[in-house]
Amino acid sequence: MIKGQTFLSKALWTKTFLFPAAMWLTSRLLIWIAMLLIAPLLPVPPGSTPTTFGWGVFHAWDSGHYRAIVTSGYEFVNDGKGHNLAFFPLFPLIIRVLMNLGLPFEIAGTLVNNLAFFAALYFLYFWVKGQAGESAARWATAIVAWCPLSLFAGVIYTEGLYLLLSTAALRAFDKQQYGWTAFWGAMATATRPTGMALIPAFVLAAWKQRRPPIAYLASFATAAGLLLFSIYCAIQFGDPLGFLHAQRGWRSSLGFDWLDWWKMLMQVTVGTLNWKHGGIKDPLHPLLFTMILGIGSCLWYFRKQLGSQKVDYGFAALVFLAWILAGDPLINTVAVFGSAYLLWQLRAQLTPVTVIYGFCGVGLLLASGSTISLSRLVYGIVSPSVALGVLLSRYPRWGYLTLLFFTILLASFAVRFAQELWVG
């Protein structure tokens, strides 16, 4: 009996241990195949560059800023233009260490992000398992691994590293490991601006749960990474808030950007061409959008007569058609407001710090004064993925349809990135 129990426990442990690794490997294989094998065979779209096989395929867009930081250091002048001081220091610092060991920039940057993402999936899996159970942990891990924005956890960006550090900090806080909370949180605030959302999240969660004073001390200690970067900015450039002022090249001012949000809404509903011309030049887009809304309303109205299976597949088809029609503006809009809706609806099933961090992160993005790359930035806030994992654990059919949709988008995004076309 004891031998049988031992074998069963070992099998369960092996199954648990292998799942995050399987999610990481299979999703990364799809990205590598799309970028290294498929993209070079496709015609070169206007405005892109020919794709070649090699490590350079993982280097595009923001990767160039990290290369400049690693090779030449930070540069900044408070002139309202974009400068690389807007990019936080931990990621390029780790890359520099690996380059000193002899690795080229492309290899070092790609390895850091991919390996950090691998570790992040394990922290995520065990964190969610502790608060919502095995099924929710599996779905949350699958969602984070297969989300189309997980592409940025496989190229020379900070998504993988930030997900590791922020998830580890959140898990440590929930487990009341305050030393680790401060350690992981401080490194997170030295990695990305959204790390600042951890500070009020920990403080508010500590107050809500009536944690001891050490919880508040750990919460404020997470600001150490941000504080050190601010001190560097003050010494090097005479401006302790230089990292914020350097953001002006991407966002002219702080606050909710009504004009850009109105633009995205118009792009989704009437189409980019009609929005640009201020009139209906392409009647097909608004007509198709209206048809999608109408069919969706009919599916919902007749859901009892049709049955759950037909309704589910029908809505899945409509979501896919809406993405083909509206593209990235739809994804950005749904990522932000869908995340807020999920967190609110599932707030009772999630730990307080998970919910509060999610709202703080989304609020920070809404107040950032820009709508650029919102879906990617929301992906870096792990809380919405946890909420979605908890939801899909109750509706597995929707879970599998979501993963199928994610797989299609992930392959598409990987090809676009390899061709140096804008993603997100």
Protein backbone atom coordinates (compact mmCIF):
# COMPACT_ATOMS: atom_id res chain seq x y z
CA MET A 1 0.00 0.00 0.00
CA ILE A 2 2.81 2.36 0.89
CA LYS A 3 4.64 1.52 -2.33
CA GLY A 4 1.47 2.18 -4.33
CA GLN A 5 0.96 5.53 -2.62
CA THR A 6 4.59 6.44 -3.20
CA PHE A 7 4.32 5.60 -6.91
CA LEU A 8 1.09 7.61 -7.18
CA SER A 9 2.61 10.63 -5.46
CA LYS A 10 5.69 10.45 -7.71
CA ALA A 11 3.49 10.23 -10.82
CA LEU A 12 1.42 13.20 -9.64
CA TRP A 13 4.56 15.19 -8.86
CA THR A 14 6.00 14.38 -12.30
CA LYS A 15 2.75 15.39 -13.99
CA THR A 16 2.67 18.64 -12.06
CA PHE A 17 6.31 19.39 -12.76
CA LEU A 18 6.08 18.69 -16.50
CA PHE A 19 2.97 20.75 -17.30
CA PRO A 20 4.51 24.28 -17.18
CA ALA A 21 7.56 22.97 -19.08
CA ALA A 22 5.31 21.44 -21.75
CA MET A 23 3.37 24.69 -22.13
CA TRP A 24 6.60 26.66 -22.44
CA LEU A 25 8.24 24.30 -24.94
CA THR A 26 5.28 23.79 -27.26
CA SER A 27 4.40 27.48 -27.42
CA ARG A 28 8.05 28.44 -28.00
CA LEU A 29 8.35 25.79 -30.74
CA LEU A 30 5.43 27.40 -32.55
CA ILE A 31 7.13 30.81 -32.34
CA TRP A 32 10.48 29.46 -33.53
CA ILE A 33 8.91 27.60 -36.45
CA ALA A 34 6.88 30.66 -37.48
CA MET A 35 9.84 33.06 -37.22
CA LEU A 36 12.71 30.93 -38.47
CA LEU A 37 11.08 28.61 -41.00
CA ILE A 38 7.79 30.08 -42.21
CA ALA A 39 8.51 33.84 -42.26
CA PRO A 40 11.56 33.55 -44.61
CA LEU A 41 9.40 31.69 -47.17
CA LEU A 42 6.67 34.34 -47.30
CA PRO A 43 6.60 37.34 -49.66
CA VAL A 44 8.03 40.51 -48.15
CA PRO A 45 5.16 42.92 -47.35
CA PRO A 46 5.59 46.64 -48.13
CA GLY A 47 7.39 48.40 -45.31
CA SER A 48 9.03 45.24 -43.93
CA THR A 49 12.44 43.65 -44.35
CA PRO A 50 13.35 40.19 -45.70
CA THR A 51 13.51 37.59 -42.95
CA THR A 52 16.67 35.52 -42.64
CA PHE A 53 17.39 32.46 -40.52
CA GLY A 54 19.37 33.37 -37.40
CA TRP A 55 19.33 34.98 -33.96
CA GLY A 56 18.74 38.39 -35.51
CA VAL A 57 15.10 37.46 -36.11
CA PHE A 58 14.46 37.99 -32.39
CA HIS A 59 15.78 41.57 -32.59
CA ALA A 60 13.35 44.31 -33.65
CA TRP A 61 11.68 47.51 -32.46
CA ASP A 62 12.45 48.04 -28.73
CA SER A 63 15.30 45.53 -28.95
CA GLY A 64 17.39 48.25 -30.56
CA HIS A 65 17.02 50.48 -27.50
CA TYR A 66 18.25 47.69 -25.23
CA ARG A 67 21.21 47.08 -27.55
CA ALA A 68 22.11 50.78 -27.36
CA ILE A 69 21.90 50.74 -23.56
CA VAL A 70 24.07 47.63 -23.29
CA THR A 71 26.71 48.80 -25.77
CA SER A 72 26.75 52.58 -25.29
CA GLY A 73 24.90 53.29 -22.06
CA TYR A 74 21.95 55.55 -21.37
CA GLU A 75 21.37 58.85 -23.15
CA PHE A 76 18.90 61.58 -22.18
CA VAL A 77 18.11 65.20 -22.82
CA ASN A 78 14.91 66.69 -21.44
CA ASP A 79 13.72 67.94 -24.84
CA GLY A 80 10.38 66.15 -25.11
CA LYS A 81 11.75 63.50 -27.46
CA GLY A 82 12.08 59.76 -26.89
CA HIS A 83 15.31 58.66 -25.23
CA ASN A 84 16.45 55.24 -24.10
CA LEU A 85 16.40 56.33 -20.44
CA ALA A 86 12.71 55.38 -20.64
CA PHE A 87 13.79 51.72 -20.58
CA PHE A 88 14.51 50.38 -17.11
CA PRO A 89 17.96 48.96 -16.29
CA LEU A 90 17.74 45.39 -14.95
CA PHE A 91 17.17 43.62 -18.28
CA PRO A 92 20.10 45.30 -20.12
CA LEU A 93 22.26 44.85 -17.01
CA ILE A 94 21.74 41.07 -17.04
CA ILE A 95 22.41 40.99 -20.78
CA ARG A 96 25.65 42.90 -20.22
CA VAL A 97 26.78 40.31 -17.68
CA LEU A 98 26.22 37.51 -20.21
CA MET A 99 27.98 39.48 -22.94
CA ASN A 100 30.99 39.84 -20.66
CA LEU A 101 31.03 36.03 -20.60
CA GLY A 102 31.32 36.00 -24.38
CA LEU A 103 27.75 35.78 -25.67
CA PRO A 104 26.62 38.09 -28.49
CA PHE A 105 23.81 40.53 -27.71
CA GLU A 106 21.14 38.67 -29.71
CA ILE A 107 21.84 35.35 -27.99
CA ALA A 108 22.15 36.86 -24.51
CA GLY A 109 18.94 38.89 -24.79
CA THR A 110 16.93 36.00 -26.22
CA LEU A 111 18.17 33.56 -23.58
CA VAL A 112 17.46 35.90 -20.65
CA ASN A 113 13.86 36.52 -21.72
CA ASN A 114 13.07 32.89 -22.63
CA LEU A 115 14.59 31.34 -19.51
CA ALA A 116 12.96 33.94 -17.28
CA PHE A 117 9.61 33.15 -18.90
CA PHE A 118 10.19 29.45 -18.29
CA ALA A 119 10.70 30.15 -14.58
CA ALA A 120 7.73 32.54 -14.55
CA LEU A 121 5.36 29.77 -15.65
CA TYR A 122 6.41 27.66 -12.64
CA PHE A 123 5.90 30.51 -10.18
CA LEU A 124 2.53 31.21 -11.79
CA TYR A 125 1.45 27.57 -11.72
CA PHE A 126 2.17 27.02 -8.04
CA TRP A 127 0.83 30.44 -7.06
CA VAL A 128 -2.53 29.90 -8.76
CA LYS A 129 -2.69 26.30 -7.55
CA GLY A 130 -2.40 27.56 -3.98
CA GLN A 131 -5.23 30.07 -4.33
CA ALA A 132 -7.64 28.46 -6.83
CA GLY A 133 -6.72 24.80 -7.30
CA GLU A 134 -5.03 22.53 -9.84
CA SER A 135 -7.43 23.10 -12.74
CA ALA A 136 -7.24 26.88 -12.54
CA ALA A 137 -3.45 26.68 -12.30
CA ARG A 138 -3.27 24.65 -15.50
CA TRP A 139 -5.56 26.97 -17.40
CA ALA A 140 -3.78 30.11 -16.19
CA THR A 141 -0.39 28.65 -17.17
CA ALA A 142 -1.70 27.66 -20.60
CA ILE A 143 -3.21 31.11 -21.10
CA VAL A 144 0.04 32.91 -20.25
CA ALA A 145 2.13 30.54 -22.39
CA TRP A 146 -0.13 30.59 -25.46
CA CYS A 147 -1.38 34.16 -25.34
CA PRO A 148 -0.34 35.80 -28.64
CA LEU A 149 1.45 38.51 -26.66
CA SER A 150 3.68 35.80 -25.17
CA LEU A 151 5.67 36.32 -28.36
CA PHE A 152 7.33 39.17 -26.45
CA ALA A 153 8.48 36.70 -23.80
CA GLY A 154 10.49 34.97 -26.53
CA VAL A 155 12.25 37.89 -28.21
CA ILE A 156 14.56 40.61 -26.90
CA TYR A 157 11.95 42.36 -24.75
CA THR A 158 11.35 42.42 -20.99
CA GLU A 159 8.04 40.53 -20.82
CA GLY A 160 9.50 37.21 -19.64
CA LEU A 161 11.73 38.76 -17.00
CA TYR A 162 9.03 41.08 -15.67
CA LEU A 163 6.45 38.28 -15.50
CA LEU A 164 8.93 36.21 -13.47
CA LEU A 165 9.76 38.96 -10.99
CA SER A 166 6.24 40.33 -10.52
CA THR A 167 4.64 36.88 -10.22
CA ALA A 168 7.28 35.77 -7.75
CA ALA A 169 6.68 38.92 -5.67
CA LEU A 170 2.90 38.43 -5.68
CA ARG A 171 3.22 34.77 -4.71
CA ALA A 172 5.63 35.64 -1.90
CA PHE A 173 3.20 38.24 -0.58
CA ASP A 174 0.32 35.76 -0.57
CA LYS A 175 2.52 33.27 1.29
CA GLN A 176 3.53 36.03 3.76
CA GLN A 177 7.19 35.68 2.79
CA TYR A 178 7.97 39.35 3.18
CA GLY A 179 11.70 39.17 2.60
CA TRP A 180 11.13 37.55 -0.77
CA THR A 181 8.32 40.01 -1.49
CA ALA A 182 10.73 42.92 -1.07
CA PHE A 183 13.49 41.17 -3.06
CA TRP A 184 11.40 40.14 -6.08
CA GLY A 185 9.39 43.36 -5.98
CA ALA A 186 12.49 45.57 -5.96
CA MET A 187 13.85 43.79 -9.02
CA ALA A 188 10.45 44.12 -10.73
CA THR A 189 10.41 47.90 -10.20
CA ALA A 190 13.89 48.00 -11.75
CA THR A 191 12.63 46.17 -14.85
CA ARG A 192 9.52 47.96 -16.12
CA PRO A 193 7.46 51.07 -15.29
CA THR A 194 4.41 48.90 -14.55
CA GLY A 195 6.36 47.54 -11.59
CA MET A 196 5.29 50.73 -9.81
CA ALA A 197 1.79 49.24 -9.58
CA LEU A 198 3.13 46.62 -7.16
CA ILE A 199 3.80 49.20 -4.47
CA PRO A 200 0.22 50.46 -3.90
CA ALA A 201 -1.10 46.94 -4.54
CA PHE A 202 0.93 45.50 -1.66
CA VAL A 203 0.08 48.39 0.66
CA LEU A 204 -3.67 48.21 -0.05
CA ALA A 205 -3.73 44.41 0.20
CA ALA A 206 -1.85 44.57 3.52
CA TRP A 207 -4.40 47.07 4.82
CA LYS A 208 -7.38 45.05 3.57
CA GLN A 209 -6.08 41.81 5.10
CA ARG A 210 -4.85 43.51 8.27
CA ARG A 211 -1.31 42.27 7.82
CA PRO A 212 1.40 43.01 10.41
CA PRO A 213 3.71 46.06 10.08
CA ILE A 214 6.38 44.01 8.32
CA ALA A 215 4.00 43.61 5.39
CA TYR A 216 3.91 47.38 4.95
CA LEU A 217 7.70 47.53 5.27
CA ALA A 218 8.07 44.92 2.52
CA SER A 219 5.53 46.78 0.39
CA PHE A 220 7.50 50.01 0.46
CA ALA A 221 10.79 48.12 0.07
CA THR A 222 9.68 47.00 -3.39
CA ALA A 223 10.29 50.59 -4.47
CA ALA A 224 14.05 50.05 -4.00
CA GLY A 225 14.62 49.22 -7.66
CA LEU A 226 12.80 52.35 -8.77
CA LEU A 227 14.60 54.45 -6.15
CA LEU A 228 18.04 53.24 -7.25
CA PHE A 229 17.22 54.04 -10.87
CA SER A 230 16.04 57.49 -9.81
CA ILE A 231 19.29 58.09 -7.95
CA TYR A 232 21.23 57.05 -11.05
CA CYS A 233 19.19 59.50 -13.15
CA ALA A 234 19.90 62.29 -10.66
CA ILE A 235 23.65 61.62 -10.62
CA GLN A 236 24.08 60.98 -14.34
CA PHE A 237 21.62 63.47 -15.84
CA GLY A 238 20.70 65.81 -12.98
CA ASP A 239 17.07 64.73 -13.13
CA PRO A 240 15.80 62.11 -10.66
CA LEU A 241 12.62 61.74 -12.74
CA GLY A 242 14.48 61.51 -16.02
CA PHE A 243 13.08 58.03 -16.68
CA LEU A 244 9.58 59.58 -16.68
CA HIS A 245 10.52 62.63 -18.73
CA ALA A 246 12.14 60.34 -21.30
CA GLN A 247 8.72 58.81 -21.96
CA ARG A 248 7.57 61.93 -23.78
CA GLY A 249 8.67 60.54 -27.12
CA TRP A 250 5.94 57.92 -26.75
CA ARG A 251 3.36 59.86 -24.72
CA SER A 252 3.17 63.64 -24.67
CA SER A 253 1.39 63.95 -21.32
CA LEU A 254 -0.07 61.89 -18.52
CA GLY A 255 -3.79 61.22 -18.23
CA PHE A 256 -6.50 59.38 -20.09
CA ASP A 257 -5.96 59.87 -23.83
CA TRP A 258 -9.52 60.50 -25.02
CA LEU A 259 -8.54 61.17 -28.62
CA ASP A 260 -6.59 57.95 -29.10
CA TRP A 261 -9.32 55.91 -27.42
CA TRP A 262 -11.91 57.52 -29.67
CA LYS A 263 -9.69 56.68 -32.64
CA MET A 264 -9.51 53.01 -31.60
CA LEU A 265 -13.26 52.85 -31.10
CA MET A 266 -13.81 54.26 -34.58
CA GLN A 267 -11.28 51.84 -36.07
CA VAL A 268 -13.18 48.94 -34.52
CA THR A 269 -16.69 50.05 -35.42
CA VAL A 270 -16.40 51.90 -38.75
CA GLY A 271 -12.89 51.01 -39.94
CA THR A 272 -9.56 52.83 -40.26
CA LEU A 273 -10.24 54.10 -43.79
CA ASN A 274 -13.57 55.66 -42.83
CA TRP A 275 -12.05 57.21 -39.70
CA LYS A 276 -9.20 58.78 -41.68
CA HIS A 277 -11.56 60.34 -44.23
CA GLY A 278 -14.19 61.40 -41.70
CA GLY A 279 -16.92 59.72 -43.69
CA ILE A 280 -18.07 56.43 -45.14
CA LYS A 281 -15.59 55.59 -47.91
CA ASP A 282 -15.71 51.86 -47.17
CA PRO A 283 -19.30 50.83 -46.30
CA LEU A 284 -18.32 47.17 -46.00
CA HIS A 285 -16.57 47.50 -42.62
CA PRO A 286 -19.46 49.08 -40.65
CA LEU A 287 -21.90 46.75 -42.43
CA LEU A 288 -19.94 43.65 -41.40
CA PHE A 289 -19.48 44.97 -37.87
CA THR A 290 -23.23 45.55 -37.57
CA MET A 291 -23.90 42.04 -38.89
CA ILE A 292 -21.54 40.53 -36.30
CA LEU A 293 -23.34 42.40 -33.51
CA GLY A 294 -26.72 41.36 -34.90
CA ILE A 295 -25.83 37.69 -35.19
CA GLY A 296 -24.34 37.78 -31.69
CA SER A 297 -27.56 39.27 -30.32
CA CYS A 298 -29.60 36.55 -32.03
CA LEU A 299 -27.35 33.82 -30.62
CA TRP A 300 -27.83 35.21 -27.13
CA TYR A 301 -31.60 35.65 -27.54
CA PHE A 302 -32.15 32.11 -28.83
CA ARG A 303 -29.47 30.49 -26.66
CA LYS A 304 -31.92 28.16 -24.88
CA GLN A 305 -33.38 26.87 -28.14
CA LEU A 306 -29.99 26.45 -29.83
CA GLY A 307 -28.19 24.78 -26.92
CA SER A 308 -24.89 25.67 -25.28
CA GLN A 309 -22.67 23.89 -27.80
CA LYS A 310 -24.02 25.71 -30.88
CA VAL A 311 -24.02 29.02 -29.04
CA ASP A 312 -20.43 28.59 -27.89
CA TYR A 313 -19.15 27.70 -31.34
CA GLY A 314 -21.21 30.49 -32.86
CA PHE A 315 -19.74 33.13 -30.55
CA ALA A 316 -16.25 31.74 -31.14
CA ALA A 317 -16.71 32.15 -34.90
CA LEU A 318 -17.96 35.72 -34.40
CA VAL A 319 -14.94 36.60 -32.26
CA PHE A 320 -12.63 35.28 -34.97
CA LEU A 321 -14.46 37.25 -37.68
CA ALA A 322 -14.37 40.40 -35.52
CA TRP A 323 -10.59 40.03 -35.18
CA ILE A 324 -10.17 39.62 -38.94
CA LEU A 325 -12.28 42.75 -39.43
CA ALA A 326 -10.90 45.05 -36.71
CA GLY A 327 -7.45 43.59 -35.92
CA ASP A 328 -5.13 45.15 -33.34
CA PRO A 329 -7.47 48.00 -32.21
CA LEU A 330 -10.02 45.38 -31.15
CA ILE A 331 -7.38 43.37 -29.27
CA ASN A 332 -6.11 46.48 -27.47
CA THR A 333 -9.60 47.54 -26.44
CA VAL A 334 -10.66 44.09 -25.23
CA ALA A 335 -7.34 43.56 -23.42
CA VAL A 336 -7.81 46.66 -21.27
CA PHE A 337 -11.53 46.74 -20.54
CA GLY A 338 -12.00 42.97 -20.69
CA SER A 339 -9.27 42.58 -18.07
CA ALA A 340 -10.92 45.09 -15.76
CA TYR A 341 -14.28 43.35 -16.19
CA LEU A 342 -12.80 39.90 -15.47
CA LEU A 343 -11.03 41.09 -12.34
CA TRP A 344 -14.20 42.66 -11.00
CA GLN A 345 -16.39 39.66 -11.76
CA LEU A 346 -13.95 37.16 -10.21
CA ARG A 347 -12.73 39.31 -7.34
CA ALA A 348 -14.19 36.92 -4.76
CA GLN A 349 -12.30 33.94 -6.23
CA LEU A 350 -8.90 35.68 -6.32
CA THR A 351 -6.62 36.81 -3.54
CA PRO A 352 -6.85 40.54 -2.67
CA VAL A 353 -3.36 41.35 -3.93
CA THR A 354 -4.11 39.67 -7.28
CA VAL A 355 -7.18 41.84 -7.82
CA ILE A 356 -5.68 45.07 -6.49
CA TYR A 357 -2.47 44.70 -8.52
CA GLY A 358 -4.54 44.05 -11.64
CA PHE A 359 -6.60 47.21 -11.16
CA CYS A 360 -3.54 49.28 -10.23
CA GLY A 361 -1.72 48.05 -13.33
CA VAL A 362 -4.64 48.67 -15.69
CA GLY A 363 -5.25 52.05 -14.06
CA LEU A 364 -1.61 53.00 -14.56
CA LEU A 365 -1.87 52.14 -18.26
CA LEU A 366 -5.09 54.13 -18.68
CA ALA A 367 -3.44 57.15 -17.04
CA SER A 368 -0.19 56.83 -19.01
CA GLY A 369 -1.33 59.18 -21.77
CA SER A 370 -0.92 56.65 -24.57
CA THR A 371 -2.66 53.72 -26.23
CA ILE A 372 0.49 52.29 -27.83
CA SER A 373 1.05 48.54 -27.24
CA LEU A 374 -1.69 48.35 -24.62
CA SER A 375 -2.40 44.66 -25.20
CA ARG A 376 1.28 43.82 -24.66
CA LEU A 377 1.48 45.92 -21.51
CA VAL A 378 -1.72 44.39 -20.10
CA TYR A 379 -0.26 40.94 -20.79
CA GLY A 380 2.68 41.87 -18.57
CA ILE A 381 0.22 42.40 -15.69
CA VAL A 382 -0.33 38.80 -14.69
CA SER A 383 -3.59 39.25 -12.77
CA PRO A 384 -5.97 39.25 -15.77
CA SER A 385 -4.42 35.99 -16.99
CA VAL A 386 -5.00 34.45 -13.56
CA ALA A 387 -8.63 35.61 -13.66
CA LEU A 388 -9.10 34.20 -17.15
CA GLY A 389 -7.57 30.89 -16.07
CA VAL A 390 -9.99 30.65 -13.14
CA LEU A 391 -12.92 31.41 -15.46
CA LEU A 392 -11.93 28.92 -18.17
CA SER A 393 -11.39 26.17 -15.60
CA ARG A 394 -15.18 26.25 -15.19
CA TYR A 395 -15.92 26.35 -18.93
CA PRO A 396 -13.36 24.08 -20.59
CA ARG A 397 -15.02 24.23 -24.03
CA TRP A 398 -14.45 27.97 -24.07
CA GLY A 399 -10.95 27.30 -22.81
CA TYR A 400 -10.03 25.09 -25.75
CA LEU A 401 -11.60 27.53 -28.22
CA THR A 402 -9.61 30.35 -26.60
CA LEU A 403 -6.37 28.40 -26.90
CA LEU A 404 -7.11 27.63 -30.57
CA PHE A 405 -7.69 31.32 -31.24
CA PHE A 406 -4.53 32.21 -29.31
CA THR A 407 -2.50 29.72 -31.35
CA ILE A 408 -3.58 31.31 -34.63
CA LEU A 409 -2.78 34.80 -33.36
CA LEU A 410 0.53 33.72 -31.85
CA ALA A 411 1.74 32.29 -35.16
CA SER A 412 0.54 35.43 -36.96
CA PHE A 413 2.26 37.76 -34.50
CA ALA A 414 5.50 35.76 -34.71
CA VAL A 415 5.60 36.06 -38.50
CA ARG A 416 4.85 39.79 -38.33
CA PHE A 417 7.61 40.38 -35.77
CA ALA A 418 10.09 38.41 -37.86
CA GLN A 419 9.25 40.66 -40.81
CA GLU A 420 9.71 43.72 -38.56
CA LEU A 421 6.04 44.67 -38.91
CA TRP A 422 4.38 46.31 -35.92
CA VAL A 423 2.81 43.92 -33.44
CA GLY A 424 0.51 44.96 -30.62
